[in-house]
Amino acid sequence: MNTPPAETAPPVATYDYAVLRVVPRVDRGEFINAGVIVCCAAQGYLKAGIALDEARLQALCPTADLPALQAALAAVPAVCAGGEAAGALGRLSLRERFDWLVAPRSASVQTSPVHSGRCGGALDLTLAHLMRRLVICLK
């Protein structure tokens, strides 16, 4: 009698993530979530999802510089990807790029504190889940 091969579960991955926040007026400290950065050095994974709700931003700050904020947000996935498109930052290691992205700063695009999580290795699905829960506000 032949037994079918056992299915192997994907390896459990530990990852770090931070939420990207748009702070149109730093002096007021009000923000909206606009993306998530996920890093798993063990799997060579560093990606960001971006979804700026322009209507919410306009409600929060009608005078916000939308093109400048969009450009700042667009730079995050480029830094995550590394390489020449990210300039000098693109030559840093994956973990160094993540650490640079999440470093505290007083700017219009900031990050939350870094949080850790575990998943079954499907990091793209984890990024999508975090985007739904923390940025797009879907269950």
N, C-alpha and C. Protein backbone atom coordinates (compact mmCIF):
# COMPACT_ATOMS: atom_id res chain seq x y z
N MET A 1 0.84 -1.17 0.00
CA MET A 1 0.00 0.00 0.00
C MET A 1 0.89 1.24 0.00
N ASN A 2 0.65 2.11 -0.94
CA ASN A 2 1.43 3.35 -1.04
C ASN A 2 0.76 4.45 -0.24
N THR A 3 1.55 5.14 0.52
CA THR A 3 1.03 6.30 1.25
C THR A 3 1.45 7.55 0.51
N PRO A 4 0.52 8.49 0.36
CA PRO A 4 0.89 9.74 -0.33
C PRO A 4 1.91 10.50 0.50
N PRO A 5 2.78 11.24 -0.18
CA PRO A 5 3.77 12.03 0.57
C PRO A 5 3.07 13.09 1.42
N ALA A 6 3.60 13.27 2.59
CA ALA A 6 3.03 14.28 3.49
C ALA A 6 3.29 15.66 2.93
N GLU A 7 2.28 16.50 3.01
CA GLU A 7 2.46 17.88 2.57
C GLU A 7 3.28 18.63 3.61
N THR A 8 4.23 19.35 3.14
CA THR A 8 5.06 20.12 4.07
C THR A 8 4.50 21.52 4.19
N ALA A 9 4.38 21.94 5.40
CA ALA A 9 3.90 23.31 5.66
C ALA A 9 5.01 24.29 5.34
N PRO A 10 4.65 25.48 4.86
CA PRO A 10 5.70 26.47 4.60
C PRO A 10 6.40 26.83 5.90
N PRO A 11 7.66 27.17 5.81
CA PRO A 11 8.38 27.51 7.04
C PRO A 11 7.78 28.77 7.69
N VAL A 12 7.80 28.76 9.00
CA VAL A 12 7.32 29.93 9.73
C VAL A 12 8.37 31.03 9.61
N ALA A 13 7.93 32.21 9.24
CA ALA A 13 8.83 33.35 9.08
C ALA A 13 8.52 34.38 10.15
N THR A 14 9.56 34.91 10.74
CA THR A 14 9.42 36.04 11.65
C THR A 14 9.75 37.29 10.86
N TYR A 15 8.91 38.29 10.95
CA TYR A 15 9.11 39.51 10.18
C TYR A 15 8.90 40.72 11.08
N ASP A 16 9.40 41.85 10.61
CA ASP A 16 9.16 43.14 11.25
C ASP A 16 8.36 43.99 10.29
N TYR A 17 7.52 44.85 10.83
CA TYR A 17 6.76 45.77 9.98
C TYR A 17 6.55 47.10 10.68
N ALA A 18 6.32 48.11 9.87
CA ALA A 18 5.98 49.44 10.37
C ALA A 18 4.94 50.03 9.43
N VAL A 19 4.08 50.85 10.00
CA VAL A 19 3.04 51.53 9.22
C VAL A 19 3.57 52.88 8.77
N LEU A 20 3.41 53.18 7.49
CA LEU A 20 3.76 54.51 6.97
C LEU A 20 2.62 55.47 7.28
N ARG A 21 2.97 56.62 7.80
CA ARG A 21 1.98 57.62 8.17
C ARG A 21 2.26 58.92 7.44
N VAL A 22 1.21 59.54 6.94
CA VAL A 22 1.32 60.87 6.35
C VAL A 22 0.90 61.86 7.43
N VAL A 23 1.80 62.78 7.73
CA VAL A 23 1.59 63.80 8.76
C VAL A 23 1.68 65.16 8.05
N PRO A 24 0.55 65.65 7.52
CA PRO A 24 0.63 66.86 6.70
C PRO A 24 1.08 68.10 7.46
N ARG A 25 0.75 68.17 8.74
CA ARG A 25 1.23 69.28 9.57
C ARG A 25 1.90 68.67 10.79
N VAL A 26 3.22 68.62 10.73
CA VAL A 26 3.99 67.98 11.80
C VAL A 26 3.72 68.64 13.15
N ASP A 27 3.47 69.96 13.14
CA ASP A 27 3.22 70.66 14.40
C ASP A 27 1.95 70.19 15.09
N ARG A 28 0.98 69.66 14.34
CA ARG A 28 -0.26 69.19 14.93
C ARG A 28 -0.20 67.71 15.30
N GLY A 29 0.66 66.95 14.65
CA GLY A 29 0.82 65.53 14.98
C GLY A 29 -0.29 64.63 14.49
N GLU A 30 -1.22 65.15 13.69
CA GLU A 30 -2.30 64.33 13.15
C GLU A 30 -1.78 63.57 11.94
N PHE A 31 -2.26 62.33 11.77
CA PHE A 31 -1.76 61.54 10.64
C PHE A 31 -2.84 60.61 10.13
N ILE A 32 -2.60 60.11 8.91
CA ILE A 32 -3.40 59.01 8.37
C ILE A 32 -2.42 57.93 7.92
N ASN A 33 -2.82 56.69 8.08
CA ASN A 33 -1.99 55.58 7.62
C ASN A 33 -2.03 55.52 6.10
N ALA A 34 -0.86 55.34 5.49
CA ALA A 34 -0.79 55.35 4.03
C ALA A 34 0.00 54.19 3.45
N GLY A 35 0.48 53.28 4.29
CA GLY A 35 1.23 52.15 3.77
C GLY A 35 1.81 51.30 4.87
N VAL A 36 2.44 50.21 4.47
CA VAL A 36 3.08 49.29 5.39
C VAL A 36 4.39 48.83 4.77
N ILE A 37 5.43 48.72 5.59
CA ILE A 37 6.72 48.17 5.17
C ILE A 37 6.91 46.86 5.93
N VAL A 38 7.23 45.78 5.21
CA VAL A 38 7.46 44.47 5.82
C VAL A 38 8.87 44.02 5.49
N CYS A 39 9.59 43.54 6.51
CA CYS A 39 10.97 43.08 6.33
C CYS A 39 11.16 41.72 6.99
N CYS A 40 11.70 40.78 6.23
CA CYS A 40 12.10 39.47 6.75
C CYS A 40 13.48 39.18 6.17
N ALA A 41 14.51 39.52 6.92
CA ALA A 41 15.88 39.36 6.43
C ALA A 41 16.19 37.90 6.13
N ALA A 42 15.65 36.96 6.91
CA ALA A 42 15.93 35.54 6.71
C ALA A 42 15.48 35.06 5.33
N GLN A 43 14.43 35.68 4.80
CA GLN A 43 13.93 35.30 3.48
C GLN A 43 14.27 36.33 2.41
N GLY A 44 15.08 37.31 2.76
CA GLY A 44 15.47 38.33 1.78
C GLY A 44 14.29 39.15 1.30
N TYR A 45 13.37 39.46 2.19
CA TYR A 45 12.12 40.13 1.82
C TYR A 45 12.07 41.53 2.43
N LEU A 46 11.89 42.51 1.58
CA LEU A 46 11.65 43.89 2.02
C LEU A 46 10.76 44.54 0.98
N LYS A 47 9.50 44.77 1.34
CA LYS A 47 8.54 45.38 0.42
C LYS A 47 7.65 46.35 1.19
N ALA A 48 7.09 47.28 0.43
CA ALA A 48 6.14 48.23 0.99
C ALA A 48 4.89 48.26 0.13
N GLY A 49 3.76 48.39 0.78
CA GLY A 49 2.50 48.65 0.10
C GLY A 49 2.10 50.08 0.41
N ILE A 50 1.59 50.78 -0.59
CA ILE A 50 1.21 52.19 -0.43
C ILE A 50 -0.23 52.36 -0.90
N ALA A 51 -1.04 53.07 -0.13
CA ALA A 51 -2.41 53.39 -0.52
C ALA A 51 -2.81 54.67 0.21
N LEU A 52 -2.60 55.79 -0.43
CA LEU A 52 -2.94 57.08 0.17
C LEU A 52 -4.38 57.43 -0.16
N ASP A 53 -5.19 57.59 0.87
CA ASP A 53 -6.58 58.00 0.71
C ASP A 53 -6.59 59.53 0.60
N GLU A 54 -6.62 60.02 -0.62
CA GLU A 54 -6.50 61.46 -0.86
C GLU A 54 -7.67 62.24 -0.26
N ALA A 55 -8.85 61.65 -0.26
CA ALA A 55 -10.01 62.34 0.32
C ALA A 55 -9.82 62.53 1.83
N ARG A 56 -9.33 61.50 2.51
CA ARG A 56 -9.08 61.62 3.95
C ARG A 56 -7.99 62.65 4.22
N LEU A 57 -6.97 62.65 3.36
CA LEU A 57 -5.88 63.62 3.53
C LEU A 57 -6.43 65.04 3.37
N GLN A 58 -7.24 65.28 2.34
CA GLN A 58 -7.81 66.60 2.12
C GLN A 58 -8.72 67.01 3.28
N ALA A 59 -9.45 66.05 3.86
CA ALA A 59 -10.30 66.36 5.02
C ALA A 59 -9.45 66.73 6.23
N LEU A 60 -8.33 66.07 6.38
CA LEU A 60 -7.43 66.34 7.51
C LEU A 60 -6.71 67.66 7.34
N CYS A 61 -6.28 67.92 6.10
CA CYS A 61 -5.50 69.14 5.83
C CYS A 61 -5.73 69.58 4.39
N PRO A 62 -6.67 70.47 4.15
CA PRO A 62 -6.98 70.91 2.78
C PRO A 62 -5.79 71.53 2.04
N THR A 63 -4.81 72.02 2.78
CA THR A 63 -3.66 72.67 2.14
C THR A 63 -2.45 71.74 1.98
N ALA A 64 -2.66 70.45 2.21
CA ALA A 64 -1.55 69.48 2.10
C ALA A 64 -0.97 69.50 0.68
N ASP A 65 0.35 69.37 0.59
CA ASP A 65 1.05 69.34 -0.70
C ASP A 65 0.99 67.91 -1.23
N LEU A 66 -0.10 67.58 -1.91
CA LEU A 66 -0.34 66.21 -2.37
C LEU A 66 0.78 65.68 -3.27
N PRO A 67 1.24 66.43 -4.28
CA PRO A 67 2.32 65.89 -5.12
C PRO A 67 3.61 65.58 -4.33
N ALA A 68 3.95 66.41 -3.37
CA ALA A 68 5.16 66.16 -2.58
C ALA A 68 4.98 64.91 -1.70
N LEU A 69 3.81 64.75 -1.12
CA LEU A 69 3.54 63.58 -0.29
C LEU A 69 3.52 62.30 -1.13
N GLN A 70 2.92 62.37 -2.31
CA GLN A 70 2.91 61.21 -3.20
C GLN A 70 4.33 60.83 -3.62
N ALA A 71 5.17 61.82 -3.90
CA ALA A 71 6.57 61.54 -4.28
C ALA A 71 7.33 60.90 -3.13
N ALA A 72 7.12 61.39 -1.92
CA ALA A 72 7.80 60.83 -0.75
C ALA A 72 7.36 59.38 -0.53
N LEU A 73 6.08 59.11 -0.67
CA LEU A 73 5.58 57.75 -0.51
C LEU A 73 6.10 56.83 -1.62
N ALA A 74 6.16 57.34 -2.84
CA ALA A 74 6.63 56.53 -3.97
C ALA A 74 8.10 56.13 -3.82
N ALA A 75 8.86 56.91 -3.08
CA ALA A 75 10.27 56.58 -2.88
C ALA A 75 10.46 55.36 -1.98
N VAL A 76 9.50 55.07 -1.13
CA VAL A 76 9.65 53.97 -0.17
C VAL A 76 9.79 52.61 -0.86
N PRO A 77 8.89 52.24 -1.79
CA PRO A 77 9.07 50.94 -2.46
C PRO A 77 10.39 50.87 -3.25
N ALA A 78 10.84 52.00 -3.78
CA ALA A 78 12.12 52.01 -4.51
C ALA A 78 13.28 51.71 -3.56
N VAL A 79 13.24 52.28 -2.37
CA VAL A 79 14.29 51.99 -1.39
C VAL A 79 14.20 50.53 -0.96
N CYS A 80 13.00 50.02 -0.78
CA CYS A 80 12.84 48.61 -0.42
C CYS A 80 13.46 47.71 -1.48
N ALA A 81 13.23 48.02 -2.75
CA ALA A 81 13.74 47.18 -3.84
C ALA A 81 15.26 47.27 -3.96
N GLY A 82 15.83 48.38 -3.55
CA GLY A 82 17.29 48.54 -3.64
C GLY A 82 17.72 48.76 -5.09
N GLY A 83 19.01 48.66 -5.33
CA GLY A 83 19.54 48.84 -6.67
C GLY A 83 19.75 50.31 -6.99
N GLU A 84 20.12 50.55 -8.23
CA GLU A 84 20.47 51.89 -8.68
C GLU A 84 19.31 52.88 -8.60
N ALA A 85 18.07 52.40 -8.78
CA ALA A 85 16.92 53.30 -8.74
C ALA A 85 16.75 53.95 -7.37
N ALA A 86 17.31 53.33 -6.33
CA ALA A 86 17.21 53.87 -4.97
C ALA A 86 18.39 54.74 -4.59
N GLY A 87 19.28 55.01 -5.54
CA GLY A 87 20.45 55.85 -5.26
C GLY A 87 21.40 55.19 -4.29
N ALA A 88 22.04 55.99 -3.46
CA ALA A 88 23.03 55.48 -2.50
C ALA A 88 22.39 54.50 -1.52
N LEU A 89 21.13 54.72 -1.16
CA LEU A 89 20.45 53.80 -0.24
C LEU A 89 20.30 52.40 -0.83
N GLY A 90 20.23 52.33 -2.13
CA GLY A 90 20.07 51.04 -2.81
C GLY A 90 21.25 50.12 -2.65
N ARG A 91 22.39 50.66 -2.25
CA ARG A 91 23.60 49.84 -2.06
C ARG A 91 23.69 49.28 -0.64
N LEU A 92 22.81 49.72 0.25
CA LEU A 92 22.81 49.20 1.61
C LEU A 92 22.21 47.79 1.63
N SER A 93 22.51 47.05 2.69
CA SER A 93 21.90 45.73 2.84
C SER A 93 20.40 45.89 3.08
N LEU A 94 19.69 44.80 2.92
CA LEU A 94 18.24 44.81 3.11
C LEU A 94 17.88 45.34 4.49
N ARG A 95 18.52 44.82 5.53
CA ARG A 95 18.20 45.26 6.89
C ARG A 95 18.59 46.72 7.12
N GLU A 96 19.69 47.16 6.53
CA GLU A 96 20.08 48.57 6.67
C GLU A 96 19.05 49.48 6.00
N ARG A 97 18.52 49.05 4.84
CA ARG A 97 17.48 49.85 4.18
C ARG A 97 16.23 49.93 5.05
N PHE A 98 15.82 48.80 5.64
CA PHE A 98 14.65 48.80 6.51
C PHE A 98 14.89 49.73 7.71
N ASP A 99 16.05 49.59 8.33
CA ASP A 99 16.35 50.43 9.50
C ASP A 99 16.34 51.92 9.13
N TRP A 100 16.84 52.26 7.94
CA TRP A 100 16.83 53.66 7.49
C TRP A 100 15.39 54.13 7.29
N LEU A 101 14.57 53.28 6.66
CA LEU A 101 13.18 53.67 6.40
C LEU A 101 12.39 53.90 7.68
N VAL A 102 12.64 53.13 8.72
CA VAL A 102 11.83 53.22 9.93
C VAL A 102 12.46 54.11 11.01
N ALA A 103 13.58 54.73 10.70
CA ALA A 103 14.22 55.62 11.68
C ALA A 103 13.28 56.78 12.00
N PRO A 104 13.17 57.15 13.27
CA PRO A 104 12.30 58.28 13.64
C PRO A 104 12.74 59.56 12.94
N ARG A 105 11.77 60.30 12.46
CA ARG A 105 12.06 61.58 11.81
C ARG A 105 10.88 62.51 11.98
N SER A 106 11.17 63.78 11.90
CA SER A 106 10.13 64.79 11.96
C SER A 106 9.91 65.29 10.54
N ALA A 107 9.08 64.56 9.80
CA ALA A 107 8.82 64.86 8.40
C ALA A 107 7.36 64.58 8.12
N SER A 108 6.93 64.87 6.92
CA SER A 108 5.54 64.65 6.55
C SER A 108 5.20 63.19 6.30
N VAL A 109 6.22 62.35 6.09
CA VAL A 109 6.02 60.91 6.00
C VAL A 109 6.85 60.28 7.11
N GLN A 110 6.18 59.60 8.02
CA GLN A 110 6.84 58.98 9.17
C GLN A 110 6.40 57.52 9.25
N THR A 111 7.01 56.78 10.18
CA THR A 111 6.59 55.41 10.41
C THR A 111 6.18 55.24 11.87
N SER A 112 5.36 54.23 12.07
CA SER A 112 4.99 53.82 13.43
C SER A 112 6.21 53.15 14.06
N PRO A 113 6.12 52.84 15.34
CA PRO A 113 7.15 51.96 15.90
C PRO A 113 7.16 50.63 15.14
N VAL A 114 8.27 49.93 15.18
CA VAL A 114 8.40 48.64 14.50
C VAL A 114 7.72 47.57 15.35
N HIS A 115 6.95 46.73 14.69
CA HIS A 115 6.28 45.60 15.32
C HIS A 115 6.81 44.31 14.69
N SER A 116 6.67 43.21 15.39
CA SER A 116 7.10 41.91 14.86
C SER A 116 5.91 40.98 14.73
N GLY A 117 6.04 40.04 13.82
CA GLY A 117 4.99 39.05 13.62
C GLY A 117 5.57 37.76 13.09
N ARG A 118 4.70 36.76 12.98
CA ARG A 118 5.10 35.46 12.43
C ARG A 118 4.06 35.04 11.41
N CYS A 119 4.51 34.45 10.33
CA CYS A 119 3.57 33.95 9.33
C CYS A 119 4.12 32.65 8.76
N GLY A 120 3.29 31.99 7.98
CA GLY A 120 3.67 30.72 7.39
C GLY A 120 4.53 30.86 6.16
N GLY A 121 5.25 31.94 6.03
CA GLY A 121 6.19 32.10 4.92
C GLY A 121 5.63 32.86 3.73
N ALA A 122 4.34 33.10 3.66
CA ALA A 122 3.73 33.81 2.54
C ALA A 122 3.75 35.31 2.84
N LEU A 123 4.90 35.92 2.68
CA LEU A 123 5.06 37.32 3.08
C LEU A 123 4.28 38.30 2.22
N ASP A 124 4.09 38.00 0.95
CA ASP A 124 3.25 38.88 0.12
C ASP A 124 1.82 38.90 0.65
N LEU A 125 1.32 37.74 1.08
CA LEU A 125 -0.02 37.68 1.66
C LEU A 125 -0.08 38.42 2.99
N THR A 126 1.00 38.34 3.75
CA THR A 126 1.06 39.07 5.03
C THR A 126 1.03 40.57 4.78
N LEU A 127 1.79 41.04 3.80
CA LEU A 127 1.78 42.46 3.46
C LEU A 127 0.37 42.88 3.05
N ALA A 128 -0.28 42.09 2.21
CA ALA A 128 -1.65 42.42 1.77
C ALA A 128 -2.61 42.45 2.96
N HIS A 129 -2.46 41.50 3.88
CA HIS A 129 -3.32 41.46 5.07
C HIS A 129 -3.10 42.71 5.94
N LEU A 130 -1.85 43.07 6.16
CA LEU A 130 -1.56 44.27 6.96
C LEU A 130 -2.09 45.53 6.28
N MET A 131 -1.98 45.60 4.97
CA MET A 131 -2.53 46.76 4.25
C MET A 131 -4.03 46.85 4.46
N ARG A 132 -4.74 45.72 4.34
CA ARG A 132 -6.19 45.73 4.53
C ARG A 132 -6.56 46.15 5.94
N ARG A 133 -5.87 45.64 6.93
CA ARG A 133 -6.22 45.90 8.33
C ARG A 133 -5.82 47.28 8.82
N LEU A 134 -4.64 47.75 8.39
CA LEU A 134 -4.07 48.96 8.97
C LEU A 134 -4.17 50.20 8.11
N VAL A 135 -4.35 50.03 6.81
CA VAL A 135 -4.37 51.19 5.92
C VAL A 135 -5.72 51.34 5.24
N ILE A 136 -6.20 50.28 4.65
CA ILE A 136 -7.45 50.35 3.89
C ILE A 136 -8.65 50.12 4.81
N CYS A 137 -8.41 49.58 5.98
CA CYS A 137 -9.42 49.38 7.03
C CYS A 137 -10.50 48.38 6.63
N LEU A 138 -10.08 47.28 6.01
CA LEU A 138 -10.99 46.17 5.74
C LEU A 138 -10.61 45.02 6.64
N LYS A 139 -11.55 44.16 6.96
CA LYS A 139 -11.26 43.01 7.82
C LYS A 139 -10.54 41.93 7.06
